[in-house]
Protein backbone atom coordinates (compact mmCIF):
# COMPACT_ATOMS: atom_id res chain seq x y z
CA MET A 1 161.51 126.20 123.17
CA ALA A 2 161.83 126.49 126.96
CA GLU A 3 158.20 125.46 127.37
CA LEU A 4 158.73 122.48 125.06
CA THR A 5 161.80 121.41 127.08
CA GLU A 6 159.79 121.64 130.30
CA GLU A 7 156.95 119.59 128.82
CA LEU A 8 159.46 117.02 127.56
CA SER A 9 160.90 116.60 131.04
CA LEU A 10 157.39 116.01 132.37
CA VAL A 11 156.72 113.44 129.67
CA LYS A 12 159.85 111.48 130.59
CA GLY A 13 159.36 111.90 134.36
CA GLU A 14 158.08 109.43 136.90
CA GLN A 15 154.75 111.16 137.41
CA PRO A 16 151.76 108.85 137.07
CA ALA A 17 149.72 109.38 133.95
CA VAL A 18 146.33 110.99 134.39
CA PRO A 19 143.72 110.06 131.79
CA GLY A 20 142.35 112.92 129.71
CA LYS A 21 138.90 114.32 130.25
CA ASP A 22 137.51 112.58 127.24
CA GLY A 23 139.17 109.29 128.27
CA LYS A 24 138.38 106.26 126.18
CA ASP A 25 134.74 105.86 127.10
CA GLY A 26 133.82 105.27 123.46
CA ALA A 27 132.77 108.53 121.87
CA HIS A 28 131.30 106.49 119.03
CA PRO A 29 129.04 103.45 119.04
CA GLN A 30 130.85 100.14 118.87
CA PRO A 31 129.89 98.20 115.74
CA VAL A 32 128.72 94.66 116.38
CA ALA A 33 130.42 92.30 113.96
CA PRO A 34 128.00 89.62 112.69
CA ALA A 35 129.10 86.10 111.90
CA GLY A 36 130.71 86.39 108.51
CA LYS A 37 130.99 89.56 106.48
CA PRO A 38 127.80 91.54 105.85
CA PRO A 39 126.71 92.52 102.36
CA PHE A 40 128.33 95.78 101.38
CA ASP A 41 124.98 97.47 100.75
CA VAL A 42 124.20 97.09 104.47
CA PRO A 43 125.73 99.83 106.68
CA THR A 44 128.13 98.48 109.32
CA GLY A 45 127.82 101.51 111.64
CA THR A 46 127.41 105.27 111.70
CA PRO A 47 128.56 107.03 108.51
CA THR A 48 131.91 108.79 108.93
CA VAL A 49 132.79 109.81 105.35
CA VAL A 50 130.42 110.65 102.53
CA VAL A 51 132.00 111.33 99.13
CA ASP A 52 129.40 112.76 96.76
CA ASP A 53 130.21 112.93 93.02
CA LEU A 54 133.73 114.19 93.75
CA HIS A 55 135.86 115.72 90.99
CA ILE A 56 139.45 116.89 91.53
CA VAL A 57 141.20 118.81 88.75
CA TYR A 58 144.88 119.81 88.71
CA ARG A 59 146.19 122.64 86.56
CA VAL A 60 149.67 121.76 85.34
CA TYR A 61 151.93 124.35 83.71
CA GLY A 62 154.61 123.10 81.34
CA ALA A 63 157.53 124.84 79.73
CA ALA A 64 156.64 127.49 77.17
CA SER A 65 158.15 127.49 73.70
CA ASP A 66 160.37 130.35 72.54
CA ALA A 67 157.41 131.92 70.73
CA GLU A 68 155.29 131.75 73.90
CA LYS A 69 157.79 133.04 76.44
CA GLY A 70 156.68 136.05 78.40
CA ASN A 71 156.97 139.43 76.73
CA ALA A 72 154.65 142.36 76.29
CA VAL A 73 153.57 141.47 72.75
CA ASN A 74 152.74 137.85 73.56
CA ALA A 75 150.93 138.83 76.75
CA LEU A 76 148.79 141.40 74.89
CA THR A 77 148.04 138.86 72.16
CA ARG A 78 146.83 136.30 74.71
CA ILE A 79 144.63 138.91 76.38
CA LEU A 80 143.04 139.96 73.07
CA ARG A 81 142.48 136.33 72.08
CA ARG A 82 141.34 135.44 75.61
CA GLN A 83 143.93 132.70 75.81
CA GLY A 84 145.17 131.26 79.06
CA ARG A 85 148.74 130.85 80.19
CA PRO A 86 150.72 128.90 77.55
CA GLN A 87 151.20 125.18 78.04
CA MET A 88 148.57 124.99 80.77
CA LYS A 89 146.91 121.57 80.99
CA GLU A 90 144.12 120.32 83.20
CA VAL A 91 144.48 116.86 84.73
CA HIS A 92 141.17 115.36 85.84
CA ALA A 93 142.57 113.17 88.64
CA VAL A 94 139.28 112.12 90.31
CA ARG A 95 136.14 111.76 88.20
CA GLY A 96 132.73 111.55 89.86
CA VAL A 97 133.67 109.31 92.81
CA SER A 98 130.86 108.55 95.28
CA PHE A 99 130.77 106.23 98.30
CA VAL A 100 129.93 106.10 102.02
CA ALA A 101 132.30 104.83 104.74
CA TYR A 102 131.14 103.74 108.19
CA HIS A 103 132.53 103.39 111.71
CA GLY A 104 134.50 100.16 111.92
CA ASP A 105 135.39 100.10 108.23
CA ALA A 106 138.94 99.54 107.02
CA ILE A 107 138.87 100.44 103.33
CA GLY A 108 141.72 99.59 101.00
CA ILE A 109 142.26 101.79 97.94
CA VAL A 110 143.94 100.03 95.00
CA GLY A 111 144.76 101.09 91.46
CA ARG A 112 147.65 101.62 89.08
CA ASN A 113 149.99 104.58 89.46
CA GLY A 114 148.14 107.74 88.47
CA SER A 115 144.68 106.31 89.16
CA GLY A 116 143.90 108.98 91.79
CA LYS A 117 144.44 107.07 95.05
CA SER A 118 146.58 109.64 96.88
CA THR A 119 144.53 112.49 95.43
CA LEU A 120 141.36 110.95 96.86
CA LEU A 121 142.91 110.63 100.33
CA ARG A 122 144.11 114.24 100.25
CA ALA A 123 140.64 115.39 99.27
CA ILE A 124 139.06 113.44 102.15
CA ALA A 125 141.63 115.00 104.50
CA GLY A 126 140.57 118.45 103.32
CA LEU A 127 143.93 119.25 101.69
CA LEU A 128 142.54 119.54 98.15
CA PRO A 129 139.42 121.59 97.29
CA PRO A 130 136.85 119.79 95.12
CA HIS A 131 136.42 121.04 91.57
CA ALA A 132 132.89 119.68 91.81
CA GLY A 133 130.97 117.52 94.27
CA ALA A 134 131.66 117.38 98.01
CA VAL A 135 133.24 115.43 100.87
CA TYR A 136 131.53 115.22 104.27
CA THR A 137 133.33 113.80 107.31
CA ASP A 138 132.37 113.10 110.91
CA GLY A 139 135.29 114.54 112.87
CA GLN A 140 138.73 115.62 111.66
CA PRO A 141 140.45 113.16 109.30
CA SER A 142 144.15 112.55 109.88
CA LEU A 143 146.39 111.83 106.88
CA LEU A 144 149.49 109.72 107.42
CA GLY A 145 151.86 109.42 104.47
CA VAL A 146 155.50 108.73 103.81
CA ASN A 147 156.09 112.48 103.79
CA ALA A 148 154.12 113.29 106.94
CA ALA A 149 155.57 116.45 108.45
CA LEU A 150 158.01 115.97 111.29
CA MET A 151 160.91 118.32 112.03
CA ARG A 152 164.13 116.68 110.88
CA GLU A 153 166.37 118.98 112.94
CA LEU A 154 164.64 117.95 116.19
CA THR A 155 165.16 114.71 118.08
CA GLY A 156 162.68 111.87 117.96
CA GLU A 157 161.48 112.59 121.50
CA ARG A 158 160.72 116.23 120.72
CA ASN A 159 158.88 115.19 117.57
CA ILE A 160 156.80 112.77 119.63
CA VAL A 161 155.76 115.54 122.00
CA LEU A 162 155.03 118.03 119.20
CA GLY A 163 153.19 115.42 117.13
CA CYS A 164 150.96 114.41 120.02
CA TYR A 165 150.18 118.04 120.85
CA ALA A 166 149.35 118.67 117.18
CA MET A 167 146.74 115.87 117.38
CA GLY A 168 145.11 117.60 120.35
CA MET A 169 146.41 115.34 123.11
CA THR A 170 146.79 116.75 126.62
CA PRO A 171 150.15 116.74 128.49
CA ALA A 172 148.83 113.90 130.66
CA GLU A 173 147.94 111.86 127.57
CA VAL A 174 151.39 112.53 126.09
CA ARG A 175 153.06 111.27 129.28
CA GLU A 176 150.88 108.18 129.16
CA LYS A 177 151.62 107.42 125.50
CA TYR A 178 155.27 108.49 125.21
CA GLN A 179 156.99 105.18 126.03
CA GLU A 180 154.38 103.21 124.10
CA ILE A 181 155.19 105.27 120.98
CA VAL A 182 158.93 104.70 121.41
CA ASP A 183 158.47 100.95 121.91
CA PHE A 184 156.07 100.59 119.00
CA SER A 185 158.33 102.48 116.58
CA GLY A 186 161.37 100.39 117.61
CA ILE A 187 163.77 103.34 117.35
CA ASP A 188 165.04 102.74 120.92
CA GLU A 189 168.13 104.87 121.73
CA PHE A 190 167.77 106.75 118.42
CA VAL A 191 164.93 108.68 120.05
CA GLN A 192 167.64 110.96 121.49
CA LEU A 193 169.06 111.76 118.03
CA PRO A 194 167.80 114.21 115.38
CA MET A 195 165.46 112.74 112.81
CA SER A 196 167.92 113.76 110.09
CA THR A 197 170.00 110.76 111.21
CA TYR A 198 167.10 108.29 110.76
CA SER A 199 166.70 105.92 107.85
CA SER A 200 163.50 106.19 105.80
CA GLY A 201 162.16 103.09 107.55
CA MET A 202 162.80 104.50 111.03
CA GLY A 203 161.11 107.77 110.09
CA ALA A 204 158.07 105.92 108.69
CA ARG A 205 157.77 103.78 111.83
CA LEU A 206 157.91 106.83 114.08
CA ARG A 207 155.30 108.68 112.01
CA PHE A 208 152.92 105.74 112.17
CA ALA A 209 153.52 105.23 115.91
CA ILE A 210 152.74 108.90 116.64
CA SER A 211 149.65 109.13 114.47
CA SER A 212 148.16 105.86 115.69
CA ALA A 213 148.73 106.70 119.38
CA LYS A 214 145.38 108.47 119.36
CA THR A 215 142.10 106.98 118.23
CA HIS A 216 141.04 108.91 115.15
CA ASP A 217 137.56 109.13 113.75
CA VAL A 218 139.11 108.81 110.28
CA LEU A 219 142.73 107.73 109.71
CA LEU A 220 144.09 107.94 106.16
CA ILE A 221 147.27 105.92 105.50
CA ASP A 222 149.06 106.56 102.21
CA GLU A 223 151.88 104.05 101.60
CA ALA A 224 153.22 104.73 105.10
CA LEU A 225 153.73 101.01 105.76
CA ALA A 226 155.75 100.34 102.63
CA THR A 227 159.14 101.10 104.21
CA GLY A 228 158.65 99.02 107.35
CA ASP A 229 160.11 95.57 107.90
CA ARG A 230 158.03 92.41 108.30
CA GLU A 231 157.77 92.68 112.08
CA PHE A 232 156.66 96.31 111.93
CA ARG A 233 154.08 95.61 109.21
CA LYS A 234 152.61 92.88 111.42
CA LYS A 235 152.37 95.29 114.37
CA SER A 236 150.87 97.94 112.10
CA GLU A 237 148.17 95.56 110.89
CA GLN A 238 147.30 94.74 114.50
CA ARG A 239 147.12 98.45 115.33
CA ILE A 240 144.79 99.09 112.39
CA ARG A 241 142.49 96.31 113.62
CA GLN A 242 142.55 97.90 117.07
CA ILE A 243 141.54 101.27 115.60
CA ARG A 244 138.64 99.59 113.83
CA GLU A 245 137.51 97.89 117.04
CA GLU A 246 137.51 101.28 118.76
CA ALA A 247 134.97 102.48 116.17
CA GLY A 248 137.35 104.36 113.93
CA THR A 249 137.50 104.30 110.14
CA VAL A 250 140.72 103.56 108.27
CA PHE A 251 141.59 104.20 104.61
CA LEU A 252 144.70 102.36 103.44
CA VAL A 253 146.62 102.89 100.19
CA ALA A 254 149.29 100.22 99.72
CA HIS A 255 150.83 98.38 96.80
CA ASP A 256 151.20 95.28 98.97
CA LEU A 257 147.84 93.65 98.23
CA ARG A 258 148.40 91.04 100.94
CA VAL A 259 148.32 93.76 103.60
CA ILE A 260 145.07 95.13 102.19
CA GLU A 261 143.43 91.70 101.96
CA GLU A 262 144.35 90.76 105.53
CA THR A 263 143.58 94.16 107.07
CA CYS A 264 140.61 95.63 105.23
CA ASN A 265 136.97 94.58 105.15
CA ARG A 266 136.31 96.51 101.93
CA VAL A 267 138.31 97.51 98.87
CA ILE A 268 137.74 100.31 96.35
CA TRP A 269 139.43 99.90 92.97
CA LEU A 270 140.18 103.20 91.24
CA HIS A 271 140.92 103.28 87.52
CA LYS A 272 141.65 106.57 85.74
CA GLY A 273 140.00 108.51 88.54
CA LYS A 274 136.79 106.48 88.63
CA ILE A 275 135.57 103.66 90.87
CA LYS A 276 135.77 100.50 88.83
CA MET A 277 134.78 98.15 91.66
CA ASP A 278 133.82 98.43 95.33
CA GLY A 279 133.20 95.46 97.60
CA ASP A 280 134.63 92.38 99.29
CA PRO A 281 138.48 92.41 99.34
CA LYS A 282 138.92 88.95 97.84
CA GLU A 283 136.54 89.62 94.97
CA VAL A 284 137.88 93.08 94.17
CA LEU A 285 141.55 92.07 94.45
CA ALA A 286 140.98 89.00 92.28
CA ALA A 287 139.40 91.19 89.59
CA TYR A 288 142.18 93.77 89.99
CA ASN A 289 144.92 91.15 89.53
CA LYS A 290 143.21 89.85 86.38
CA GLY A 291 142.81 93.37 85.02
């Protein structure tokens, strides 16, 4: 904790920021945007995510009946009959999904509740093992959701420092980005208070500000913009465009279809774990609204 306090004092000090070794020299090729949108069968840059016939299966255990509750006789009976645990069900959340994402893409994921949107993002982030198929990524994906882990008992400023370090930023980069994160999140003097005192909107803004302070190869956003106000959503959309221009790839799950249409250059429609449509945002969203 003493080391963290010392680093925090350096972050808030008057020392000039020193750019990191990697800088922002463009570790990835900058995609050249043609006039108008290209056909979606034409790659827009270097592939960053390849999802190959992905299947994700959950095993859900329900309540056992009185006759199935654990005892020696029932356990022995299940072993002899080669039966599994009672009331165990398999939920096939993602069913044979395949696609390729490229540098510069901002891909919106739409679908009804339970269609597999969040499950797909968690699989791309490496948080869920595939039941079958595979996910290949260029670099380390970063998942930002409404429940992104920050320490509620710590102040906003300490969470900023810890969050930036967790993303691999150097102390010099943290000093350079600290005030920008505070300003972008709009939490102002609340940065000195524990996060347990924040509203859900303030927490969401701070999470997004921290995670977007660094250019990610792949940034996965799961409903993290839903709790922000109109001004913050506008700033977030601008930040997503900036990430795309810096040759990153963004996946966005949001129920606000306007945000997806204005921010993304491609939309994937999931229905019951399968891709029902993949293409131009206006065409896919129009079909989705009719469906």
